[in-house]
């Protein structure tokens, strides 16, 4: 992601929706290929067909030193531009948000 210039959060999300790489000034939100990241949490996935899916995460299980409010703010902003929003339980079983494929 070192090839993109820093921008604001809104433009990171718009660039992700358009299939472009982007990052914010603090390095807390970035689009890398089809994936939208917030503080090392995968919060979005753009499919090959261009459908943008956001994970509506609760972040109840994050460590105490993690600023969950920043990621929740990123999710809230991204939900406004996503084509669909997956509930956290759907994300946990969806291949789009799994760390590895189940087979």
Protein backbone atom coordinates (compact mmCIF):
# COMPACT_ATOMS: atom_id res chain seq x y z
CA UNK A 1 0.00 0.00 0.00
CA UNK A 2 2.98 2.34 -0.10
CA UNK A 3 2.06 3.46 -3.63
CA UNK A 4 -0.99 5.50 -2.60
CA UNK A 5 -1.04 9.01 -1.15
CA UNK A 6 -2.80 9.53 2.17
CA UNK A 7 -6.35 10.86 2.01
CA UNK A 8 -9.32 11.23 4.34
CA UNK A 9 -11.53 8.36 5.52
CA UNK A 10 -14.37 9.15 3.13
CA UNK A 11 -12.10 9.04 0.09
CA UNK A 12 -10.49 5.79 1.26
CA UNK A 13 -13.95 4.22 1.25
CA UNK A 14 -14.90 5.76 -2.10
CA UNK A 15 -11.62 4.54 -3.63
CA UNK A 16 -12.20 1.04 -2.21
CA UNK A 17 -15.69 1.03 -3.73
CA UNK A 18 -14.13 2.01 -7.08
CA UNK A 19 -11.57 -0.81 -6.80
CA UNK A 20 -8.58 1.41 -5.99
CA UNK A 21 -6.00 1.19 -3.22
CA UNK A 22 -6.02 4.02 -0.66
CA UNK A 23 -5.06 4.83 2.92
CA UNK A 24 -5.84 7.54 5.43
CA UNK A 25 -3.28 9.85 7.03
CA UNK A 26 -3.02 7.89 10.30
CA UNK A 27 -2.77 4.49 8.64
CA UNK A 28 -5.82 3.22 10.52
CA UNK A 29 -8.05 2.77 7.45
CA UNK A 30 -6.87 1.41 4.12
CA UNK A 31 -8.05 -0.36 0.99
CA UNK A 32 -5.72 -3.02 -0.34
CA UNK A 33 -7.08 -4.70 -3.43
CA UNK A 34 -10.61 -5.91 -2.69
CA UNK A 35 -10.23 -5.64 1.11
CA UNK A 36 -11.07 -2.68 3.34
CA UNK A 37 -9.11 -2.69 6.61
CA UNK A 38 -9.50 -0.78 9.86
CA UNK A 39 -6.70 -1.18 12.38
CA UNK A 40 -5.90 -4.69 11.05
CA UNK A 41 -9.56 -5.78 11.13
CA UNK A 42 -11.06 -6.75 7.80
CA UNK A 43 -14.23 -4.66 7.67
CA UNK A 44 -15.06 -4.83 3.97
CA UNK A 45 -14.72 -6.94 0.86
CA UNK A 46 -15.30 -5.96 -2.78
CA UNK A 47 -16.26 -8.97 -4.88
CA UNK A 48 -15.03 -9.61 -8.42
CA UNK A 49 -18.42 -8.36 -9.61
CA UNK A 50 -17.84 -5.06 -7.77
CA UNK A 51 -20.31 -5.67 -4.92
CA UNK A 52 -19.04 -3.96 -1.76
CA UNK A 53 -19.85 -5.80 1.47
CA UNK A 54 -19.27 -4.34 4.94
CA UNK A 55 -18.99 -6.41 8.10
CA UNK A 56 -21.17 -4.96 10.85
CA UNK A 57 -18.85 -6.02 13.67
CA UNK A 58 -19.59 -5.54 17.36
CA UNK A 59 -15.90 -5.83 18.43
CA UNK A 60 -16.89 -7.15 21.86
CA UNK A 61 -13.85 -9.43 22.06
CA UNK A 62 -11.04 -6.94 21.37
CA UNK A 63 -8.22 -6.38 23.89
CA UNK A 64 -8.51 -3.47 26.32
CA UNK A 65 -5.65 -1.56 24.69
CA UNK A 66 -7.43 -1.59 21.30
CA UNK A 67 -9.41 1.51 20.31
CA UNK A 68 -12.58 -0.17 19.06
CA UNK A 69 -14.33 3.20 18.63
CA UNK A 70 -12.09 4.05 15.66
CA UNK A 71 -12.98 0.82 13.85
CA UNK A 72 -16.67 1.22 14.71
CA UNK A 73 -16.56 4.73 13.23
CA UNK A 74 -14.94 3.36 10.05
CA UNK A 75 -17.64 0.67 9.81
CA UNK A 76 -20.41 3.23 10.31
CA UNK A 77 -19.02 5.43 7.53
CA UNK A 78 -18.44 2.50 5.15
CA UNK A 79 -21.98 1.18 5.66
CA UNK A 80 -23.28 4.35 3.98
CA UNK A 81 -21.45 3.43 0.75
CA UNK A 82 -21.65 -0.38 0.81
CA UNK A 83 -23.94 -2.35 -1.46
CA UNK A 84 -24.78 -4.71 1.40
CA UNK A 85 -24.01 -5.11 5.10
CA UNK A 86 -23.37 -8.47 6.72
CA UNK A 87 -24.26 -9.02 10.38
CA UNK A 88 -21.32 -10.21 12.48
CA UNK A 89 -22.72 -13.77 12.64
CA UNK A 90 -22.98 -13.88 8.84
CA UNK A 91 -19.39 -12.62 8.54
CA UNK A 92 -18.15 -15.38 10.82
CA UNK A 93 -19.43 -18.02 8.38
CA UNK A 94 -18.94 -16.20 5.08
CA UNK A 95 -15.97 -17.11 2.86
CA UNK A 96 -15.57 -13.37 2.17
CA UNK A 97 -14.49 -12.76 5.77
CA UNK A 98 -12.80 -16.05 6.71
CA UNK A 99 -9.07 -16.02 7.29
CA UNK A 100 -8.80 -19.26 5.37
CA UNK A 101 -11.15 -21.29 3.24
CA UNK A 102 -13.00 -24.10 5.04
CA UNK A 103 -11.95 -26.70 2.45
